[in-house]
Amino acid sequence: MLVRTKPTLATFLVAGLIPLTLPAASASAAPAKYGDDFNGDGYRDYAYSSFSARGGGGVSVVFGTATGPGPTKQRITQSSPGVPGSDEADDMFGEVRAAADFDGDGYGDLAVAATGENGFQGAVTILWGSPSGLSTGTTLPNKNPGRNNYMGRDLATGDFNGDGKQDLAVINEAMTYVYRGPLKRSGTTGAVTKLDKTSSFYATALISGKVNGDKKTDLAIIGDVVGPESVASDVWFIKGGATSLTPGSSLRLESESGDGGSAERGGDGVIADFDKDGYGDIAVGTSLYSKHKGRVSVWYGSSAGPSRSTRITQSTSGVAGTPENRDEFGSSISAGDVNGDGYADLAVGVRGEEIDGQEYAGGVHVLKGRAGGLSGSGSQWFARNTAGVPGQLTADEQFGGVVRLRDTVGDGTADLYVSGLGSLRLPGSAGGITTAGATEFKAAPVNSFLE
């Protein structure tokens, strides 16, 4: 690959890619309250992948304010000062991102994958937070180098051993490596643990959160289970621990398929307390389930780890619509408390939903948390033809391709952000998500809201 000479800082300032002035912040000896507060001003920031026609990718950041994304922006590539590597075509730098204060200096940092780096060997770079935002970077040691290993296919952060320092889980050649913190600018890390269930289990996605109620972060690994003539998918629970990570039980997400090896893989997911019992629950959307009808699996937490489970589809009582091929229910999911009752709720994207003859128009369900957990009771449905939703119903919009729930205005209720041909913000309220005050949203891409 062509090695390019890195421009000077002045080049970036002139081009407007790094702001001349950024929100002021004061450093603290305490770790950052929010892992994605990169400039330490107390507000969450918004990081998303941004690709140019010829480059190998980049990360753009919109800095947060008290009312959500603000006007100040920053863009970083592998040609930025202090960032290791070179901006080469197909590196896919920034495609996968996860945030945490890895060095505990009071500024959130961003782990950035470049899965196409060095013949798709992949790489992960930590971009360090500072009063002016993200600046300079350090390459994470690769514990399993090799072509087509796609290091960084997915990332997850958390304090897996409860020592107060943030750790990083990384998929590398379909296995998971957990790097113990602190991660340092010198490139050193704590111990690294490899998690490999069986030779037939291929990790595809990671979820982190607290499932059994202790102070340690737990990990859920989604992966394909591949046999000679079939493929299935599981989510595998890993219990956090002071001295070691403990492999636990698995939940089957998809039945085995004998259709010539066509994978019906599990998607990504979230961990949140939907029944408010003090234990995090694992929710995974599998949009390819049953000829792409899709479904969501919920594995409820307990003091012993995940226990009972339930499945939700568009045939679940109270959920609008009917399951149809290519609906892709669960194509994106996000958790948040939309009505301020203390229960986490779940937004479920259905990007392939056909509405009024418009294929792939798409829509979003909002499932309400309650003492018994998630169900269809009281659920809400939103699409472009919902009264009060701005915009026109359009084929191929895939409205709901990305959904996020987040309280950006500090009123105690999470708002619903939805991507389509354009993005929308639907406010939360005591009655749930409302179309009153619904607006087009252009301040930042919806996928910049890191879970």
Protein backbone atom coordinates (compact mmCIF):
# COMPACT_ATOMS: atom_id res chain seq x y z
CA MET A 1 0.00 0.00 0.00
CA LEU A 2 1.06 3.56 -0.67
CA VAL A 3 2.51 5.31 2.36
CA ARG A 4 1.46 8.94 2.48
CA THR A 5 3.27 11.78 4.20
CA LYS A 6 1.27 13.04 7.14
CA PRO A 7 0.16 16.67 6.98
CA THR A 8 1.01 19.11 9.71
CA LEU A 9 -1.45 20.30 12.35
CA ALA A 10 -1.67 23.59 10.46
CA THR A 11 -3.01 21.72 7.42
CA PHE A 12 -5.91 20.38 9.46
CA LEU A 13 -6.66 23.74 11.02
CA VAL A 14 -6.81 25.42 7.62
CA ALA A 15 -9.01 22.65 6.23
CA GLY A 16 -11.40 23.04 9.14
CA LEU A 17 -11.12 19.40 10.15
CA ILE A 18 -9.96 20.23 13.67
CA PRO A 19 -11.77 23.16 15.31
CA LEU A 20 -9.76 26.20 16.24
CA THR A 21 -11.78 26.52 19.46
CA LEU A 22 -13.46 23.79 21.43
CA PRO A 23 -15.61 23.74 24.56
CA ALA A 24 -13.54 24.42 27.65
CA ALA A 25 -13.01 21.61 30.13
CA SER A 26 -11.14 21.06 33.33
CA ALA A 27 -9.36 17.80 33.95
CA SER A 28 -10.09 15.74 37.01
CA ALA A 29 -8.15 13.04 38.78
CA ALA A 30 -11.35 10.99 38.75
CA PRO A 31 -12.28 8.95 35.66
CA ALA A 32 -14.72 10.54 33.24
CA LYS A 33 -18.39 10.20 34.17
CA TYR A 34 -19.19 9.34 30.56
CA GLY A 35 -16.85 7.25 28.45
CA ASP A 36 -17.79 9.27 25.38
CA ASP A 37 -17.12 12.69 26.94
CA PHE A 38 -13.91 13.22 25.00
CA ASN A 39 -13.23 16.83 26.06
CA GLY A 40 -14.18 16.45 29.72
CA ASP A 41 -16.90 19.11 29.80
CA GLY A 42 -19.50 16.79 31.37
CA TYR A 43 -21.52 16.20 28.20
CA ARG A 44 -21.60 13.06 26.07
CA ASP A 45 -20.12 13.44 22.58
CA TYR A 46 -21.06 11.75 19.31
CA ALA A 47 -18.53 9.74 17.27
CA TYR A 48 -19.28 8.17 13.89
CA SER A 49 -17.43 6.69 10.95
CA SER A 50 -16.84 9.01 7.99
CA PHE A 51 -15.35 7.79 4.74
CA SER A 52 -13.88 9.71 1.84
CA ALA A 53 -13.82 8.52 -1.76
CA ARG A 54 -10.19 7.33 -1.65
CA GLY A 55 -9.15 7.21 1.99
CA GLY A 56 -9.21 4.35 4.44
CA GLY A 57 -11.80 5.87 6.72
CA GLY A 58 -12.05 8.28 9.59
CA VAL A 59 -13.92 9.25 12.71
CA SER A 60 -15.96 12.42 13.03
CA VAL A 61 -16.96 13.77 16.42
CA VAL A 62 -19.78 16.18 17.22
CA PHE A 63 -19.28 17.62 20.69
CA GLY A 64 -22.20 17.44 23.09
CA THR A 65 -24.01 20.21 24.94
CA ALA A 66 -26.75 20.31 27.57
CA THR A 67 -29.30 19.86 24.78
CA GLY A 68 -27.51 17.23 22.71
CA PRO A 69 -25.11 17.55 19.78
CA GLY A 70 -23.69 21.03 19.37
CA PRO A 71 -22.08 22.97 16.50
CA THR A 72 -18.44 22.04 17.21
CA LYS A 73 -16.96 19.15 15.23
CA GLN A 74 -13.70 17.29 14.74
CA ARG A 75 -12.50 14.69 12.22
CA ILE A 76 -9.62 12.24 12.71
CA THR A 77 -8.01 9.84 10.24
CA GLN A 78 -4.79 7.85 10.21
CA SER A 79 -3.21 10.91 8.61
CA SER A 80 -3.99 13.07 11.64
CA PRO A 81 -1.03 14.16 13.78
CA GLY A 82 -0.02 11.55 16.34
CA VAL A 83 -2.34 8.82 15.02
CA PRO A 84 -0.44 5.63 14.10
CA GLY A 85 -0.65 4.08 10.63
CA SER A 86 -1.37 5.53 7.21
CA ASP A 87 -4.65 6.52 5.58
CA GLU A 88 -4.87 3.69 3.04
CA ALA A 89 -7.79 2.54 0.94
CA ASP A 90 -9.95 -0.22 2.46
CA ASP A 91 -8.52 0.10 5.99
CA MET A 92 -12.05 0.82 7.26
CA PHE A 93 -10.66 2.96 10.09
CA GLY A 94 -13.55 3.98 12.33
CA GLU A 95 -16.04 1.37 11.15
CA VAL A 96 -16.34 0.01 14.72
CA ARG A 97 -16.04 2.23 17.80
CA ALA A 98 -16.31 1.92 21.59
CA ALA A 99 -15.71 4.56 24.26
CA ALA A 100 -14.33 4.56 27.81
CA ASP A 101 -11.84 6.49 29.93
CA PHE A 102 -9.12 3.88 29.49
CA ASP A 103 -6.34 5.76 31.29
CA GLY A 104 -8.50 7.28 34.03
CA ASP A 105 -7.48 10.90 33.39
CA GLY A 106 -11.00 12.34 33.35
CA TYR A 107 -11.38 12.40 29.56
CA GLY A 108 -13.24 9.76 27.57
CA ASP A 109 -11.18 7.88 24.98
CA LEU A 110 -12.29 6.14 21.79
CA ALA A 111 -11.26 2.64 20.67
CA VAL A 112 -11.36 2.56 16.87
CA ALA A 113 -11.11 -0.54 14.71
CA ALA A 114 -9.57 -0.68 11.23
CA THR A 115 -10.64 -4.18 10.17
CA GLY A 116 -9.07 -3.85 6.72
CA GLU A 117 -5.62 -2.88 7.99
CA ASN A 118 -2.63 -4.87 6.70
CA GLY A 119 -4.39 -7.41 4.49
CA PHE A 120 -7.50 -7.52 6.70
CA GLN A 121 -5.39 -8.52 9.67
CA GLY A 122 -7.14 -5.65 11.37
CA ALA A 123 -6.03 -3.25 14.08
CA VAL A 124 -7.42 -1.30 17.02
CA THR A 125 -6.26 2.21 17.91
CA ILE A 126 -7.04 4.10 21.11
CA LEU A 127 -7.66 7.79 20.42
CA TRP A 128 -7.02 9.75 23.60
CA GLY A 129 -9.32 12.39 25.06
CA SER A 130 -8.10 15.83 26.05
CA PRO A 131 -9.48 19.35 26.70
CA SER A 132 -9.57 19.84 22.92
CA GLY A 133 -11.21 16.51 22.16
CA LEU A 134 -9.56 13.42 20.70
CA SER A 135 -5.86 13.82 19.96
CA THR A 136 -3.08 11.35 19.15
CA GLY A 137 -3.47 7.58 19.37
CA THR A 138 -1.89 4.31 20.44
CA THR A 139 -2.12 0.95 18.70
CA LEU A 140 -3.47 -1.88 20.84
CA PRO A 141 -1.13 -4.90 20.86
CA ASN A 142 -2.39 -7.61 18.48
CA LYS A 143 -2.35 -10.93 20.33
CA ASN A 144 -3.36 -12.95 17.26
CA PRO A 145 -1.89 -11.46 14.07
CA GLY A 146 -2.79 -13.01 10.73
CA ARG A 147 -4.34 -12.14 7.38
CA ASN A 148 -8.14 -12.05 7.28
CA ASN A 149 -8.45 -12.10 11.08
CA TYR A 150 -10.35 -8.78 11.08
CA MET A 151 -9.15 -7.66 14.50
CA GLY A 152 -11.73 -5.24 15.87
CA ARG A 153 -14.76 -6.76 14.15
CA ASP A 154 -16.52 -5.75 17.34
CA LEU A 155 -15.53 -4.03 20.58
CA ALA A 156 -17.00 -3.73 24.07
CA THR A 157 -15.87 -1.85 27.17
CA GLY A 158 -16.39 -2.37 30.89
CA ASP A 159 -14.72 -2.99 34.22
CA PHE A 160 -14.70 -6.78 33.96
CA ASN A 161 -12.67 -7.36 37.14
CA GLY A 162 -14.12 -4.60 39.31
CA ASP A 163 -10.83 -2.80 39.97
CA GLY A 164 -12.15 0.60 38.88
CA LYS A 165 -10.22 0.58 35.59
CA GLN A 166 -11.85 0.25 32.19
CA ASP A 167 -11.07 -2.86 30.11
CA LEU A 168 -11.59 -3.57 26.41
CA ALA A 169 -12.95 -6.72 24.74
CA VAL A 170 -11.97 -7.25 21.09
CA ILE A 171 -13.01 -9.83 18.50
CA ASN A 172 -9.98 -11.15 16.61
CA GLU A 173 -10.26 -14.14 14.22
CA ALA A 174 -13.70 -15.06 15.60
CA MET A 175 -12.31 -15.26 19.15
CA THR A 176 -12.58 -12.69 21.93
CA TYR A 177 -9.61 -11.11 23.71
CA VAL A 178 -10.16 -9.06 26.88
CA TYR A 179 -7.45 -6.47 27.59
CA ARG A 180 -7.37 -5.45 31.25
CA GLY A 181 -6.93 -1.80 32.05
CA PRO A 182 -5.51 0.62 32.47
CA LEU A 183 -4.69 0.93 28.79
CA LYS A 184 -1.78 3.35 28.52
CA ARG A 185 -0.46 5.71 25.87
CA SER A 186 2.78 3.72 25.89
CA GLY A 187 0.87 0.75 24.49
CA THR A 188 1.02 -1.35 27.64
CA THR A 189 -2.07 -3.02 29.05
CA GLY A 190 -2.94 -5.34 31.88
CA ALA A 191 -3.29 -9.09 31.39
CA VAL A 192 -5.05 -10.31 28.25
CA THR A 193 -7.57 -13.17 28.40
CA LYS A 194 -8.62 -15.20 25.36
CA LEU A 195 -12.20 -16.50 25.27
CA ASP A 196 -12.82 -19.29 22.78
CA LYS A 197 -15.89 -21.45 23.43
CA THR A 198 -15.34 -24.26 20.90
CA SER A 199 -13.75 -24.63 17.49
CA SER A 200 -17.24 -24.43 15.95
CA PHE A 201 -18.20 -21.14 17.67
CA TYR A 202 -17.30 -18.00 15.73
CA ALA A 203 -17.72 -14.75 17.67
CA THR A 204 -19.46 -11.99 15.69
CA ALA A 205 -20.58 -9.36 18.24
CA LEU A 206 -20.04 -8.28 21.85
CA ILE A 207 -22.33 -6.82 24.53
CA SER A 208 -21.21 -5.65 27.96
CA GLY A 209 -23.18 -4.79 31.10
CA LYS A 210 -24.00 -5.91 34.63
CA VAL A 211 -26.17 -9.02 34.61
CA ASN A 212 -25.78 -10.62 38.07
CA GLY A 213 -25.97 -7.48 40.20
CA ASP A 214 -22.37 -7.27 41.41
CA LYS A 215 -19.92 -4.44 40.69
CA LYS A 216 -18.13 -6.23 37.85
CA THR A 217 -19.08 -5.87 34.21
CA ASP A 218 -20.19 -9.05 32.47
CA LEU A 219 -19.78 -9.91 28.79
CA ALA A 220 -22.14 -11.54 26.31
CA ILE A 221 -20.60 -12.91 23.12
CA ILE A 222 -22.83 -13.49 20.10
CA GLY A 223 -21.56 -16.01 17.58
CA ASP A 224 -22.29 -18.50 14.83
CA VAL A 225 -22.31 -22.20 15.64
CA VAL A 226 -21.16 -23.92 12.46
CA GLY A 227 -21.60 -27.62 11.71
CA PRO A 228 -20.73 -29.67 8.61
CA GLU A 229 -24.05 -28.91 6.93
CA SER A 230 -25.77 -26.42 9.19
CA VAL A 231 -25.32 -23.16 11.06
CA ALA A 232 -26.96 -21.72 14.16
CA SER A 233 -26.23 -18.80 16.47
CA ASP A 234 -25.86 -18.46 20.24
CA VAL A 235 -25.22 -15.79 22.82
CA TRP A 236 -22.62 -16.93 25.37
CA PHE A 237 -22.53 -15.40 28.86
CA ILE A 238 -19.16 -14.57 30.47
CA LYS A 239 -19.22 -13.59 34.15
CA GLY A 240 -16.89 -10.81 35.25
CA GLY A 241 -14.56 -11.61 38.12
CA ALA A 242 -11.79 -10.13 40.24
CA THR A 243 -9.23 -12.72 39.16
CA SER A 244 -10.72 -14.30 36.05
CA LEU A 245 -13.59 -14.22 33.60
CA THR A 246 -15.88 -17.23 34.07
CA PRO A 247 -17.53 -18.81 31.00
CA GLY A 248 -21.22 -19.50 31.63
CA SER A 249 -24.22 -20.85 29.80
CA SER A 250 -25.45 -20.09 26.28
CA LEU A 251 -28.82 -19.23 24.79
CA ARG A 252 -29.68 -20.44 21.28
CA LEU A 253 -30.73 -17.48 19.17
CA GLU A 254 -31.35 -19.27 15.89
CA SER A 255 -32.16 -22.87 15.10
CA GLU A 256 -29.79 -24.84 12.97
CA SER A 257 -30.24 -24.25 9.27
CA GLY A 258 -29.47 -26.86 6.65
CA ASP A 259 -29.91 -24.57 3.66
CA GLY A 260 -26.46 -25.06 2.19
CA GLY A 261 -24.69 -23.18 4.96
CA SER A 262 -26.64 -19.92 4.71
CA ALA A 263 -26.12 -18.40 8.15
CA GLU A 264 -29.07 -17.06 10.11
CA ARG A 265 -26.77 -15.22 12.46
CA GLY A 266 -27.53 -13.33 15.63
CA GLY A 267 -27.17 -9.58 15.51
CA ASP A 268 -25.98 -7.15 18.12
CA GLY A 269 -27.78 -6.33 21.33
CA VAL A 270 -27.95 -4.46 24.63
CA ILE A 271 -27.96 -5.15 28.36
CA ALA A 272 -30.54 -3.21 30.41
CA ASP A 273 -32.87 -3.81 33.37
CA PHE A 274 -36.29 -4.21 31.72
CA ASP A 275 -38.04 -5.62 34.83
CA LYS A 276 -36.30 -3.32 37.38
CA ASP A 277 -35.17 -6.17 39.62
CA GLY A 278 -31.58 -4.92 39.87
CA TYR A 279 -30.18 -7.37 37.32
CA GLY A 280 -29.28 -6.53 33.73
CA ASP A 281 -31.15 -8.39 31.00
CA ILE A 282 -29.60 -9.38 27.66
CA ALA A 283 -31.62 -8.46 24.56
CA VAL A 284 -30.49 -9.55 21.10
CA GLY A 285 -32.15 -8.75 17.78
CA THR A 286 -31.83 -11.45 15.13
CA SER A 287 -33.16 -9.83 11.98
CA LEU A 288 -32.40 -12.84 9.75
CA TYR A 289 -34.60 -15.20 11.78
CA SER A 290 -37.17 -17.21 9.80
CA LYS A 291 -36.55 -15.88 6.28
CA HIS A 292 -35.71 -12.43 7.63
CA LYS A 293 -38.97 -12.02 9.53
CA GLY A 294 -36.79 -11.31 12.56
CA ARG A 295 -37.23 -11.55 16.31
CA VAL A 296 -35.80 -10.33 19.62
CA SER A 297 -34.58 -12.73 22.30
CA VAL A 298 -34.52 -11.50 25.92
CA TRP A 299 -32.44 -13.39 28.51
CA TYR A 300 -33.27 -12.09 31.97
CA GLY A 301 -30.58 -11.55 34.59
CA SER A 302 -30.45 -12.89 38.14
CA SER A 303 -27.93 -13.20 40.98
CA ALA A 304 -26.64 -16.38 39.31
CA GLY A 305 -26.43 -14.80 35.85
CA PRO A 306 -28.94 -15.02 32.99
CA SER A 307 -31.89 -17.33 33.66
CA ARG A 308 -35.32 -17.31 32.02
CA SER A 309 -35.76 -16.17 28.44
CA THR A 310 -38.52 -14.99 26.16
CA ARG A 311 -38.89 -14.24 22.45
CA ILE A 312 -40.72 -11.31 20.90
CA THR A 313 -41.81 -11.02 17.27
CA GLN A 314 -44.48 -9.15 15.36
CA SER A 315 -46.82 -12.03 16.19
CA THR A 316 -46.45 -11.31 19.94
CA SER A 317 -49.73 -10.08 21.45
CA GLY A 318 -49.87 -6.29 21.49
CA VAL A 319 -47.09 -5.79 18.91
CA ALA A 320 -48.35 -4.04 15.78
CA GLY A 321 -48.16 -5.74 12.39
CA THR A 322 -47.57 -9.32 11.35
CA PRO A 323 -44.29 -11.15 10.70
CA GLU A 324 -43.50 -11.23 6.99
CA ASN A 325 -40.44 -12.33 5.03
CA ARG A 326 -37.78 -9.60 4.84
CA ASP A 327 -39.33 -7.41 7.59
CA GLU A 328 -36.08 -7.75 9.60
CA PHE A 329 -37.64 -7.11 13.01
CA GLY A 330 -34.69 -6.48 15.33
CA SER A 331 -32.42 -5.02 12.65
CA SER A 332 -31.41 -2.44 15.28
CA ILE A 333 -32.27 -2.27 18.99
CA SER A 334 -31.62 0.25 21.76
CA ALA A 335 -32.58 0.53 25.43
CA GLY A 336 -33.66 3.54 27.49
CA ASP A 337 -36.42 4.73 29.82
CA VAL A 338 -38.85 6.55 27.52
CA ASN A 339 -41.48 7.42 30.17
CA GLY A 340 -39.41 7.95 33.32
CA ASP A 341 -40.92 5.07 35.30
CA GLY A 342 -37.54 3.51 36.12
CA TYR A 343 -37.95 0.53 33.79
CA ALA A 344 -35.73 0.27 30.72
CA ASP A 345 -37.71 0.14 27.48
CA LEU A 346 -36.60 -1.27 24.12
CA ALA A 347 -36.75 0.32 20.67
CA VAL A 348 -36.80 -2.26 17.86
CA GLY A 349 -36.12 -1.29 14.25
CA VAL A 350 -37.98 -3.09 11.45
CA ARG A 351 -36.15 -1.69 8.46
CA GLY A 352 -37.71 -4.03 5.87
CA GLU A 353 -41.37 -3.44 6.77
CA GLU A 354 -43.60 -2.97 3.73
CA ILE A 355 -46.24 -0.29 4.31
CA ASP A 356 -49.05 0.60 1.90
CA GLY A 357 -47.26 -1.22 -0.90
CA GLN A 358 -43.96 0.59 -0.29
CA GLU A 359 -41.28 -2.09 0.11
CA TYR A 360 -38.58 -1.53 2.74
CA ALA A 361 -40.35 1.56 4.02
CA GLY A 362 -39.47 0.51 7.59
CA GLY A 363 -40.68 1.39 11.06
CA VAL A 364 -39.93 1.20 14.79
CA HIS A 365 -41.59 -0.55 17.73
CA VAL A 366 -41.11 0.67 21.30
CA LEU A 367 -41.62 -2.15 23.83
CA LYS A 368 -42.29 -1.07 27.42
CA GLY A 369 -40.46 -2.44 30.45
CA ARG A 370 -42.48 -3.51 33.49
CA ALA A 371 -42.30 -5.85 36.49
CA GLY A 372 -42.80 -8.93 34.33
CA GLY A 373 -40.29 -7.77 31.73
CA LEU A 374 -40.75 -6.79 28.11
CA SER A 375 -43.96 -7.67 26.29
CA GLY A 376 -46.21 -6.29 23.60
CA SER A 377 -48.56 -4.72 26.13
CA GLY A 378 -48.64 -0.96 25.65
CA SER A 379 -46.08 -1.06 22.87
CA GLN A 380 -45.89 1.77 20.36
CA TRP A 381 -45.38 1.79 16.58
CA PHE A 382 -43.92 4.59 14.49
CA ALA A 383 -43.46 4.91 10.72
CA ARG A 384 -43.49 7.76 8.24
CA ASN A 385 -47.27 7.44 7.89
CA THR A 386 -47.85 7.71 11.67
CA ALA A 387 -49.80 10.88 12.48
CA GLY A 388 -47.41 13.61 13.56
CA VAL A 389 -44.26 11.99 12.14
CA PRO A 390 -42.56 14.36 9.67
CA GLY A 391 -41.79 13.23 6.12
CA GLN A 392 -43.39 11.09 3.46
CA LEU A 393 -43.73 7.33 3.32
CA THR A 394 -41.15 6.16 0.77
CA ALA A 395 -40.08 2.80 -0.58
CA ASP A 396 -36.53 1.70 0.28
CA GLU A 397 -36.11 4.28 3.05
CA GLN A 398 -35.45 1.55 5.65
CA PHE A 399 -36.75 3.83 8.40
CA GLY A 400 -35.50 2.23 11.63
CA GLY A 401 -32.28 0.95 10.10
CA VAL A 402 -30.60 2.45 13.19
CA VAL A 403 -32.50 3.35 16.37
CA ARG A 404 -31.22 4.94 19.57
CA LEU A 405 -32.86 5.86 22.87
CA ARG A 406 -31.18 8.66 24.84
CA ASP A 407 -32.23 11.48 27.15
CA THR A 408 -30.46 14.36 25.45
CA VAL A 409 -32.34 17.21 27.18
CA GLY A 410 -32.13 16.00 30.78
CA ASP A 411 -35.88 15.71 31.44
CA GLY A 412 -35.69 12.13 32.72
CA THR A 413 -37.17 10.49 29.62
CA ALA A 414 -35.26 9.00 26.70
CA ASP A 415 -35.98 10.35 23.23
CA LEU A 416 -36.20 8.10 20.17
CA TYR A 417 -33.75 8.79 17.35
CA VAL A 418 -34.42 7.00 14.06
CA SER A 419 -32.40 6.86 10.85
CA GLY A 420 -33.85 6.68 7.36
CA LEU A 421 -33.37 8.80 4.27
CA GLY A 422 -33.32 11.54 6.90
CA SER A 423 -33.17 11.16 10.67
CA LEU A 424 -35.85 12.02 13.23
CA ARG A 425 -36.05 12.80 16.93
CA LEU A 426 -39.28 11.79 18.68
CA PRO A 427 -39.39 13.07 22.29
CA GLY A 428 -39.94 10.92 25.34
CA SER A 429 -42.68 11.83 27.82
CA ALA A 430 -44.59 10.46 30.81
CA GLY A 431 -46.84 8.67 28.33
CA GLY A 432 -43.95 7.25 26.29
CA ILE A 433 -42.60 8.37 22.94
CA THR A 434 -44.69 11.14 21.44
CA THR A 435 -44.92 12.74 18.02
CA ALA A 436 -45.59 16.13 19.64
CA GLY A 437 -42.45 18.07 18.97
CA ALA A 438 -41.09 15.47 16.53
CA THR A 439 -38.44 17.04 14.32
CA GLU A 440 -35.97 16.20 11.61
CA PHE A 441 -32.57 15.58 13.19
CA LYS A 442 -29.41 16.66 11.37
CA ALA A 443 -26.96 17.44 14.17
CA ALA A 444 -25.24 14.03 14.06
CA PRO A 445 -25.84 10.60 12.50
CA VAL A 446 -27.96 8.33 14.68
CA ASN A 447 -25.18 5.71 14.79
CA SER A 448 -22.96 8.27 16.57
CA PHE A 449 -24.99 7.69 19.76
CA LEU A 450 -22.75 5.04 21.30
CA GLU A 451 -24.63 2.59 23.54
